[in-house]
PDB file of N, CA and C in Angstrom:
ATOM      1  N   MET A   1      20.163 -51.626 -41.557  1.00  0.00           N
ATOM      2  CA  MET A   1      18.816 -52.023 -41.203  1.00  0.00           C
ATOM      3  C   MET A   1      17.793 -51.361 -42.123  1.00  0.00           C
ATOM      4  N   VAL A   2      18.015 -50.094 -42.413  1.00  0.00           N
ATOM      5  CA  VAL A   2      17.078 -49.366 -43.259  1.00  0.00           C
ATOM      6  C   VAL A   2      17.048 -49.972 -44.660  1.00  0.00           C
ATOM      7  N   ASP A   3      18.215 -50.308 -45.191  1.00  0.00           N
ATOM      8  CA  ASP A   3      18.273 -50.952 -46.501  1.00  0.00           C
ATOM      9  C   ASP A   3      17.536 -52.297 -46.487  1.00  0.00           C
ATOM     10  N   TYR A   4      17.720 -53.049 -45.403  1.00  0.00           N
ATOM     11  CA  TYR A   4      17.046 -54.342 -45.276  1.00  0.00           C
ATOM     12  C   TYR A   4      15.531 -54.145 -45.267  1.00  0.00           C
ATOM     13  N   CYS A   5      15.062 -53.184 -44.465  1.00  0.00           N
ATOM     14  CA  CYS A   5      13.615 -52.896 -44.409  1.00  0.00           C
ATOM     15  C   CYS A   5      13.089 -52.510 -45.784  1.00  0.00           C
ATOM     16  N   ALA A   6      13.815 -51.622 -46.450  1.00  0.00           N
ATOM     17  CA  ALA A   6      13.364 -51.159 -47.759  1.00  0.00           C
ATOM     18  C   ALA A   6      13.319 -52.314 -48.757  1.00  0.00           C
ATOM     19  N   GLY A   7      14.318 -53.197 -48.695  1.00  0.00           N
ATOM     20  CA  GLY A   7      14.384 -54.313 -49.634  1.00  0.00           C
ATOM     21  C   GLY A   7      13.375 -55.406 -49.378  1.00  0.00           C
ATOM     22  N   THR A   8      13.032 -55.626 -48.119  1.00  0.00           N
ATOM     23  CA  THR A   8      12.123 -56.728 -47.794  1.00  0.00           C
ATOM     24  C   THR A   8      10.690 -56.281 -47.534  1.00  0.00           C
ATOM     25  N   ALA A   9      10.536 -55.130 -46.891  1.00  0.00           N
ATOM     26  CA  ALA A   9       9.192 -54.702 -46.502  1.00  0.00           C
ATOM     27  C   ALA A   9       8.728 -53.451 -47.236  1.00  0.00           C
ATOM     28  N   GLY A  10       9.635 -52.798 -47.909  1.00  0.00           N
ATOM     29  CA  GLY A  10       9.252 -51.624 -48.681  1.00  0.00           C
ATOM     30  C   GLY A  10       9.699 -50.307 -48.076  1.00  0.00           C
ATOM     31  N   ARG A  11       9.643 -49.309 -48.910  1.00  0.00           N
ATOM     32  CA  ARG A  11      10.096 -47.969 -48.543  1.00  0.00           C
ATOM     33  C   ARG A  11       9.319 -47.387 -47.366  1.00  0.00           C
ATOM     34  N   LYS A  12       8.010 -47.611 -47.324  1.00  0.00           N
ATOM     35  CA  LYS A  12       7.181 -47.056 -46.249  1.00  0.00           C
ATOM     36  C   LYS A  12       7.626 -47.601 -44.881  1.00  0.00           C
ATOM     37  N   VAL A  13       7.924 -48.894 -44.808  1.00  0.00           N
ATOM     38  CA  VAL A  13       8.382 -49.503 -43.552  1.00  0.00           C
ATOM     39  C   VAL A  13       9.749 -48.944 -43.173  1.00  0.00           C
ATOM     40  N   ALA A  14      10.635 -48.800 -44.148  1.00  0.00           N
ATOM     41  CA  ALA A  14      11.972 -48.267 -43.879  1.00  0.00           C
ATOM     42  C   ALA A  14      11.886 -46.832 -43.362  1.00  0.00           C
ATOM     43  N   LEU A  15      11.040 -46.020 -43.969  1.00  0.00           N
ATOM     44  CA  LEU A  15      10.875 -44.643 -43.506  1.00  0.00           C
ATOM     45  C   LEU A  15      10.239 -44.596 -42.120  1.00  0.00           C
ATOM     46  N   GLY A  16       9.324 -45.528 -41.855  1.00  0.00           N
ATOM     47  CA  GLY A  16       8.729 -45.623 -40.521  1.00  0.00           C
ATOM     48  C   GLY A  16       9.764 -45.988 -39.472  1.00  0.00           C
ATOM     49  N   PHE A  17      10.703 -46.873 -39.839  1.00  0.00           N
ATOM     50  CA  PHE A  17      11.781 -47.257 -38.926  1.00  0.00           C
ATOM     51  C   PHE A  17      12.646 -46.037 -38.604  1.00  0.00           C
ATOM     52  N   ILE A  18      12.969 -45.260 -39.615  1.00  0.00           N
ATOM     53  CA  ILE A  18      13.764 -44.041 -39.402  1.00  0.00           C
ATOM     54  C   ILE A  18      13.013 -43.078 -38.489  1.00  0.00           C
ATOM     55  N   ASP A  19      11.717 -42.906 -38.719  1.00  0.00           N
ATOM     56  CA  ASP A  19      10.915 -42.031 -37.857  1.00  0.00           C
ATOM     57  C   ASP A  19      10.920 -42.520 -36.409  1.00  0.00           C
ATOM     58  N   ALA A  20      10.757 -43.827 -36.218  1.00  0.00           N
ATOM     59  CA  ALA A  20      10.757 -44.393 -34.864  1.00  0.00           C
ATOM     60  C   ALA A  20      12.109 -44.189 -34.190  1.00  0.00           C
ATOM     61  N   LEU A  21      13.179 -44.310 -34.942  1.00  0.00           N
ATOM     62  CA  LEU A  21      14.514 -44.074 -34.403  1.00  0.00           C
ATOM     63  C   LEU A  21      14.687 -42.612 -33.991  1.00  0.00           C
ATOM     64  N   GLU A  22      14.213 -41.700 -34.815  1.00  0.00           N
ATOM     65  CA  GLU A  22      14.309 -40.280 -34.484  1.00  0.00           C
ATOM     66  C   GLU A  22      13.520 -39.945 -33.222  1.00  0.00           C
ATOM     67  N   VAL A  23      12.344 -40.532 -33.076  1.00  0.00           N
ATOM     68  CA  VAL A  23      11.533 -40.316 -31.866  1.00  0.00           C
ATOM     69  C   VAL A  23      12.280 -40.841 -30.644  1.00  0.00           C
ATOM     70  N   ALA A  24      12.849 -42.031 -30.766  1.00  0.00           N
ATOM     71  CA  ALA A  24      13.604 -42.619 -29.650  1.00  0.00           C
ATOM     72  C   ALA A  24      14.813 -41.756 -29.304  1.00  0.00           C
ATOM     73  N   TYR A  25      15.543 -41.293 -30.312  1.00  0.00           N
ATOM     74  CA  TYR A  25      16.718 -40.452 -30.061  1.00  0.00           C
ATOM     75  C   TYR A  25      16.331 -39.145 -29.366  1.00  0.00           C
ATOM     76  N   ARG A  26      15.235 -38.544 -29.786  1.00  0.00           N
ATOM     77  CA  ARG A  26      14.791 -37.301 -29.134  1.00  0.00           C
ATOM     78  C   ARG A  26      14.426 -37.559 -27.667  1.00  0.00           C
ATOM     79  N   HIS A  27      13.732 -38.677 -27.424  1.00  0.00           N
ATOM     80  CA  HIS A  27      13.361 -39.011 -26.044  1.00  0.00           C
ATOM     81  C   HIS A  27      14.617 -39.237 -25.198  1.00  0.00           C
ATOM     82  N   ILE A  28      15.540 -40.026 -25.724  1.00  0.00           N
ATOM     83  CA  ILE A  28      16.776 -40.319 -24.992  1.00  0.00           C
ATOM     84  C   ILE A  28      17.554 -39.028 -24.714  1.00  0.00           C
ATOM     85  N   ALA A  29      17.601 -38.123 -25.676  1.00  0.00           N
ATOM     86  CA  ALA A  29      18.318 -36.863 -25.484  1.00  0.00           C
ATOM     87  C   ALA A  29      17.703 -36.032 -24.356  1.00  0.00           C
ATOM     88  N   ARG A  30      16.363 -36.027 -24.275  1.00  0.00           N
ATOM     89  CA  ARG A  30      15.680 -35.238 -23.237  1.00  0.00           C
ATOM     90  C   ARG A  30      15.665 -35.932 -21.878  1.00  0.00           C
ATOM     91  N   HIS A  31      15.551 -37.266 -21.896  1.00  0.00           N
ATOM     92  CA  HIS A  31      15.369 -38.023 -20.646  1.00  0.00           C
ATOM     93  C   HIS A  31      16.248 -39.273 -20.639  1.00  0.00           C
ATOM     94  N   PRO A  32      17.562 -39.128 -20.645  1.00  0.00           N
ATOM     95  CA  PRO A  32      18.428 -40.307 -20.762  1.00  0.00           C
ATOM     96  C   PRO A  32      18.299 -41.303 -19.611  1.00  0.00           C
ATOM     97  N   ALA A  33      17.965 -40.836 -18.443  1.00  0.00           N
ATOM     98  CA  ALA A  33      17.878 -41.732 -17.288  1.00  0.00           C
ATOM     99  C   ALA A  33      16.651 -42.635 -17.318  1.00  0.00           C
ATOM    100  N   THR A  34      15.726 -42.420 -18.255  1.00  0.00           N
ATOM    101  CA  THR A  34      14.510 -43.242 -18.287  1.00  0.00           C
ATOM    102  C   THR A  34      14.714 -44.578 -18.974  1.00  0.00           C
ATOM    103  N   GLY A  35      15.842 -44.758 -19.649  1.00  0.00           N
ATOM    104  CA  GLY A  35      16.110 -46.043 -20.288  1.00  0.00           C
ATOM    105  C   GLY A  35      16.366 -47.128 -19.254  1.00  0.00           C
ATOM    106  N   SER A  36      16.087 -48.352 -19.630  1.00  0.00           N
ATOM    107  CA  SER A  36      16.270 -49.477 -18.720  1.00  0.00           C
ATOM    108  C   SER A  36      17.758 -49.800 -18.532  1.00  0.00           C
ATOM    109  N   PRO A  37      18.201 -49.989 -17.266  1.00  0.00           N
ATOM    110  CA  PRO A  37      19.585 -50.380 -17.002  1.00  0.00           C
ATOM    111  C   PRO A  37      19.804 -51.891 -17.033  1.00  0.00           C
ATOM    112  N   ARG A  38      18.784 -52.651 -17.438  1.00  0.00           N
ATOM    113  CA  ARG A  38      18.834 -54.119 -17.390  1.00  0.00           C
ATOM    114  C   ARG A  38      20.104 -54.692 -18.008  1.00  0.00           C
ATOM    115  N   TYR A  39      20.395 -54.327 -19.260  1.00  0.00           N
ATOM    116  CA  TYR A  39      21.552 -54.917 -19.932  1.00  0.00           C
ATOM    117  C   TYR A  39      22.858 -54.412 -19.338  1.00  0.00           C
ATOM    118  N   GLY A  40      22.859 -53.205 -18.815  1.00  0.00           N
ATOM    119  CA  GLY A  40      24.032 -52.704 -18.113  1.00  0.00           C
ATOM    120  C   GLY A  40      24.356 -53.565 -16.908  1.00  0.00           C
ATOM    121  N   HIS A  41      23.323 -53.969 -16.173  1.00  0.00           N
ATOM    122  CA  HIS A  41      23.516 -54.850 -15.016  1.00  0.00           C
ATOM    123  C   HIS A  41      23.972 -56.233 -15.467  1.00  0.00           C
ATOM    124  N   GLU A  42      23.307 -56.785 -16.483  1.00  0.00           N
ATOM    125  CA  GLU A  42      23.650 -58.129 -16.952  1.00  0.00           C
ATOM    126  C   GLU A  42      25.068 -58.219 -17.491  1.00  0.00           C
ATOM    127  N   LEU A  43      25.529 -57.150 -18.137  1.00  0.00           N
ATOM    128  CA  LEU A  43      26.851 -57.145 -18.769  1.00  0.00           C
ATOM    129  C   LEU A  43      27.928 -56.490 -17.901  1.00  0.00           C
ATOM    130  N   ASP A  44      27.544 -56.033 -16.708  1.00  0.00           N
ATOM    131  CA  ASP A  44      28.456 -55.322 -15.822  1.00  0.00           C
ATOM    132  C   ASP A  44      29.070 -54.118 -16.537  1.00  0.00           C
ATOM    133  N   LEU A  45      28.190 -53.353 -17.208  1.00  0.00           N
ATOM    134  CA  LEU A  45      28.582 -52.127 -17.900  1.00  0.00           C
ATOM    135  C   LEU A  45      27.782 -50.965 -17.296  1.00  0.00           C
ATOM    136  N   PRO A  46      28.306 -50.375 -16.213  1.00  0.00           N
ATOM    137  CA  PRO A  46      27.578 -49.288 -15.563  1.00  0.00           C
ATOM    138  C   PRO A  46      27.252 -48.169 -16.559  1.00  0.00           C
ATOM    139  N   GLY A  47      26.040 -47.702 -16.499  1.00  0.00           N
ATOM    140  CA  GLY A  47      25.625 -46.609 -17.363  1.00  0.00           C
ATOM    141  C   GLY A  47      24.972 -47.027 -18.663  1.00  0.00           C
ATOM    142  N   LEU A  48      25.114 -48.301 -19.047  1.00  0.00           N
ATOM    143  CA  LEU A  48      24.473 -48.770 -20.281  1.00  0.00           C
ATOM    144  C   LEU A  48      22.968 -48.849 -20.049  1.00  0.00           C
ATOM    145  N   ARG A  49      22.213 -48.229 -20.932  1.00  0.00           N
ATOM    146  CA  ARG A  49      20.758 -48.241 -20.843  1.00  0.00           C
ATOM    147  C   ARG A  49      20.174 -48.626 -22.196  1.00  0.00           C
ATOM    148  N   SER A  50      18.896 -48.976 -22.184  1.00  0.00           N
ATOM    149  CA  SER A  50      18.225 -49.334 -23.434  1.00  0.00           C
ATOM    150  C   SER A  50      16.862 -48.664 -23.499  1.00  0.00           C
ATOM    151  N   TRP A  51      16.434 -48.390 -24.727  1.00  0.00           N
ATOM    152  CA  TRP A  51      15.127 -47.783 -24.970  1.00  0.00           C
ATOM    153  C   TRP A  51      14.517 -48.461 -26.188  1.00  0.00           C
ATOM    154  N   PRO A  52      13.248 -48.922 -26.087  1.00  0.00           N
ATOM    155  CA  PRO A  52      12.618 -49.612 -27.219  1.00  0.00           C
ATOM    156  C   PRO A  52      12.082 -48.640 -28.271  1.00  0.00           C
ATOM    157  N   LEU A  53      12.086 -49.081 -29.521  1.00  0.00           N
ATOM    158  CA  LEU A  53      11.444 -48.316 -30.588  1.00  0.00           C
ATOM    159  C   LEU A  53       9.958 -48.628 -30.567  1.00  0.00           C
ATOM    160  N   LYS A  54       9.148 -47.645 -30.879  1.00  0.00           N
ATOM    161  CA  LYS A  54       7.711 -47.880 -30.990  1.00  0.00           C
ATOM    162  C   LYS A  54       7.420 -48.488 -32.357  1.00  0.00           C
ATOM    163  N   ARG A  55       6.564 -49.493 -32.383  1.00  0.00           N
ATOM    164  CA  ARG A  55       6.093 -50.171 -33.592  1.00  0.00           C
ATOM    165  C   ARG A  55       7.151 -51.043 -34.274  1.00  0.00           C
ATOM    166  N   TYR A  56       8.343 -51.111 -33.727  1.00  0.00           N
ATOM    167  CA  TYR A  56       9.399 -51.950 -34.309  1.00  0.00           C
ATOM    168  C   TYR A  56      10.058 -52.724 -33.180  1.00  0.00           C
ATOM    169  N   PRO A  57      10.405 -53.986 -33.422  1.00  0.00           N
ATOM    170  CA  PRO A  57      10.961 -54.821 -32.352  1.00  0.00           C
ATOM    171  C   PRO A  57      12.470 -54.612 -32.166  1.00  0.00           C
ATOM    172  N   HIS A  58      12.880 -53.369 -31.969  1.00  0.00           N
ATOM    173  CA  HIS A  58      14.291 -53.036 -31.816  1.00  0.00           C
ATOM    174  C   HIS A  58      14.485 -52.185 -30.567  1.00  0.00           C
ATOM    175  N   ILE A  59      15.703 -52.222 -30.036  1.00  0.00           N
ATOM    176  CA  ILE A  59      16.043 -51.382 -28.894  1.00  0.00           C
ATOM    177  C   ILE A  59      17.327 -50.618 -29.201  1.00  0.00           C
ATOM    178  N   VAL A  60      17.421 -49.442 -28.606  1.00  0.00           N
ATOM    179  CA  VAL A  60      18.616 -48.616 -28.709  1.00  0.00           C
ATOM    180  C   VAL A  60      19.412 -48.815 -27.423  1.00  0.00           C
ATOM    181  N   LEU A  61      20.664 -49.197 -27.551  1.00  0.00           N
ATOM    182  CA  LEU A  61      21.557 -49.327 -26.403  1.00  0.00           C
ATOM    183  C   LEU A  61      22.457 -48.099 -26.391  1.00  0.00           C
ATOM    184  N   TYR A  62      22.539 -47.416 -25.251  1.00  0.00           N
ATOM    185  CA  TYR A  62      23.265 -46.153 -25.192  1.00  0.00           C
ATOM    186  C   TYR A  62      23.854 -45.904 -23.808  1.00  0.00           C
ATOM    187  N   VAL A  63      24.786 -44.958 -23.771  1.00  0.00           N
ATOM    188  CA  VAL A  63      25.407 -44.518 -22.525  1.00  0.00           C
ATOM    189  C   VAL A  63      25.356 -42.993 -22.511  1.00  0.00           C
ATOM    190  N   GLU A  64      24.990 -42.438 -21.373  1.00  0.00           N
ATOM    191  CA  GLU A  64      24.941 -40.981 -21.225  1.00  0.00           C
ATOM    192  C   GLU A  64      26.321 -40.460 -20.843  1.00  0.00           C
ATOM    193  N   GLY A  65      26.835 -39.522 -21.646  1.00  0.00           N
ATOM    194  CA  GLY A  65      28.075 -38.834 -21.316  1.00  0.00           C
ATOM    195  C   GLY A  65      27.744 -37.521 -20.624  1.00  0.00           C
ATOM    196  N   GLU A  66      28.766 -36.755 -20.271  1.00  0.00           N
ATOM    197  CA  GLU A  66      28.523 -35.472 -19.598  1.00  0.00           C
ATOM    198  C   GLU A  66      27.789 -34.484 -20.495  1.00  0.00           C
ATOM    199  N   SER A  67      28.126 -34.480 -21.781  1.00  0.00           N
ATOM    200  CA  SER A  67      27.523 -33.500 -22.689  1.00  0.00           C
ATOM    201  C   SER A  67      26.920 -34.127 -23.936  1.00  0.00           C
ATOM    202  N   HIS A  68      26.799 -35.462 -23.943  1.00  0.00           N
ATOM    203  CA  HIS A  68      26.290 -36.144 -25.134  1.00  0.00           C
ATOM    204  C   HIS A  68      25.803 -37.546 -24.770  1.00  0.00           C
ATOM    205  N   ILE A  69      25.168 -38.174 -25.730  1.00  0.00           N
ATOM    206  CA  ILE A  69      24.716 -39.566 -25.595  1.00  0.00           C
ATOM    207  C   ILE A  69      25.492 -40.391 -26.615  1.00  0.00           C
ATOM    208  N   ASP A  70      26.085 -41.486 -26.183  1.00  0.00           N
ATOM    209  CA  ASP A  70      26.736 -42.425 -27.098  1.00  0.00           C
ATOM    210  C   ASP A  70      25.778 -43.572 -27.380  1.00  0.00           C
ATOM    211  N   VAL A  71      25.319 -43.678 -28.612  1.00  0.00           N
ATOM    212  CA  VAL A  71      24.491 -44.818 -29.011  1.00  0.00           C
ATOM    213  C   VAL A  71      25.442 -45.933 -29.409  1.00  0.00           C
ATOM    214  N   TRP A  72      25.369 -47.048 -28.694  1.00  0.00           N
ATOM    215  CA  TRP A  72      26.272 -48.166 -28.956  1.00  0.00           C
ATOM    216  C   TRP A  72      25.743 -49.065 -30.053  1.00  0.00           C
ATOM    217  N   ARG A  73      24.468 -49.403 -29.977  1.00  0.00           N
ATOM    218  CA  ARG A  73      23.893 -50.321 -30.954  1.00  0.00           C
ATOM    219  C   ARG A  73      22.389 -50.097 -31.042  1.00  0.00           C
ATOM    220  N   VAL A  74      21.815 -50.477 -32.164  1.00  0.00           N
ATOM    221  CA  VAL A  74      20.368 -50.613 -32.321  1.00  0.00           C
ATOM    222  C   VAL A  74      20.188 -52.057 -32.738  1.00  0.00           C
ATOM    223  N   LEU A  75      19.559 -52.853 -31.867  1.00  0.00           N
ATOM    224  CA  LEU A  75      19.460 -54.292 -32.092  1.00  0.00           C
ATOM    225  C   LEU A  75      18.013 -54.772 -32.042  1.00  0.00           C
ATOM    226  N   HIS A  76      17.774 -55.869 -32.732  1.00  0.00           N
ATOM    227  CA  HIS A  76      16.462 -56.522 -32.674  1.00  0.00           C
ATOM    228  C   HIS A  76      16.273 -57.065 -31.265  1.00  0.00           C
ATOM    229  N   ALA A  77      15.128 -56.819 -30.683  1.00  0.00           N
ATOM    230  CA  ALA A  77      14.866 -57.193 -29.292  1.00  0.00           C
ATOM    231  C   ALA A  77      14.807 -58.701 -29.074  1.00  0.00           C
ATOM    232  N   ALA A  78      14.619 -59.481 -30.142  1.00  0.00           N
ATOM    233  CA  ALA A  78      14.554 -60.936 -29.986  1.00  0.00           C
ATOM    234  C   ALA A  78      15.937 -61.575 -29.880  1.00  0.00           C
ATOM    235  N   ARG A  79      16.978 -60.824 -30.127  1.00  0.00           N
ATOM    236  CA  ARG A  79      18.339 -61.357 -30.013  1.00  0.00           C
ATOM    237  C   ARG A  79      18.672 -61.664 -28.557  1.00  0.00           C
ATOM    238  N   ASP A  80      19.663 -62.530 -28.379  1.00  0.00           N
ATOM    239  CA  ASP A  80      20.258 -62.707 -27.061  1.00  0.00           C
ATOM    240  C   ASP A  80      21.233 -61.543 -26.901  1.00  0.00           C
ATOM    241  N   ILE A  81      20.719 -60.434 -26.442  1.00  0.00           N
ATOM    242  CA  ILE A  81      21.509 -59.199 -26.434  1.00  0.00           C
ATOM    243  C   ILE A  81      22.754 -59.310 -25.554  1.00  0.00           C
ATOM    244  N   PRO A  82      22.666 -59.823 -24.326  1.00  0.00           N
ATOM    245  CA  PRO A  82      23.908 -59.964 -23.553  1.00  0.00           C
ATOM    246  C   PRO A  82      24.926 -60.883 -24.246  1.00  0.00           C
ATOM    247  N   GLY A  83      24.473 -61.981 -24.802  1.00  0.00           N
ATOM    248  CA  GLY A  83      25.378 -62.888 -25.509  1.00  0.00           C
ATOM    249  C   GLY A  83      25.998 -62.236 -26.730  1.00  0.00           C
ATOM    250  N   TRP A  84      25.189 -61.515 -27.482  1.00  0.00           N
ATOM    251  CA  TRP A  84      25.685 -60.852 -28.681  1.00  0.00           C
ATOM    252  C   TRP A  84      26.696 -59.773 -28.323  1.00  0.00           C
ATOM    253  N   MET A  85      26.416 -58.991 -27.278  1.00  0.00           N
ATOM    254  CA  MET A  85      27.328 -57.929 -26.864  1.00  0.00           C
ATOM    255  C   MET A  85      28.650 -58.515 -26.340  1.00  0.00           C
ATOM    256  N   ARG A  86      28.574 -59.616 -25.599  1.00  0.00           N
ATOM    257  CA  ARG A  86      29.808 -60.251 -25.112  1.00  0.00           C
ATOM    258  C   ARG A  86      30.637 -60.762 -26.282  1.00  0.00           C
ATOM    259  N   GLU A  87      29.972 -61.390 -27.251  1.00  0.00           N
ATOM    260  CA  GLU A  87      30.647 -61.919 -28.427  1.00  0.00           C
ATOM    261  C   GLU A  87      31.302 -60.796 -29.234  1.00  0.00           C
ATOM    262  N   THR A  88      30.608 -59.685 -29.409  1.00  0.00           N
ATOM    263  CA  THR A  88      31.126 -58.545 -30.149  1.00  0.00           C
ATOM    264  C   THR A  88      32.326 -57.931 -29.426  1.00  0.00           C
ATOM    265  N   ASP A  89      32.275 -57.858 -28.114  1.00  0.00           N
ATOM    266  CA  ASP A  89      33.369 -57.264 -27.351  1.00  0.00           C
ATOM    267  C   ASP A  89      34.635 -58.112 -27.393  1.00  0.00           C
ATOM    268  N   SER A  90      34.503 -59.413 -27.586  1.00  0.00           N
ATOM    269  CA  SER A  90      35.681 -60.280 -27.584  1.00  0.00           C
ATOM    270  C   SER A  90      36.367 -60.352 -28.943  1.00  0.00           C
ATOM    271  N   VAL A  91      35.749 -59.765 -29.980  1.00  0.00           N
ATOM    272  CA  VAL A  91      36.343 -59.802 -31.330  1.00  0.00           C
ATOM    273  C   VAL A  91      37.398 -58.739 -31.466  1.00  0.00           C
TER     274      VAL A  91
END
């Protein structure tokens, strides 16, 4: 994604995307339960949560472990996320 941003929108946008991701990761690390369980419910994946990036139309999909956070995907919010996740799981 970062390479795509840099190639199409420029280095400043790509660096901004990285900054937004770091902010989201820090928030998720401190407050994992604040992410939305919507996609977890839709996909019947207990514990799956999502958190949006600021200024970028992407979301972080993650699961809280006992001592860590597993980031599953960072996806564009306009995607059919449940459909895409089901398709990816069947491959």
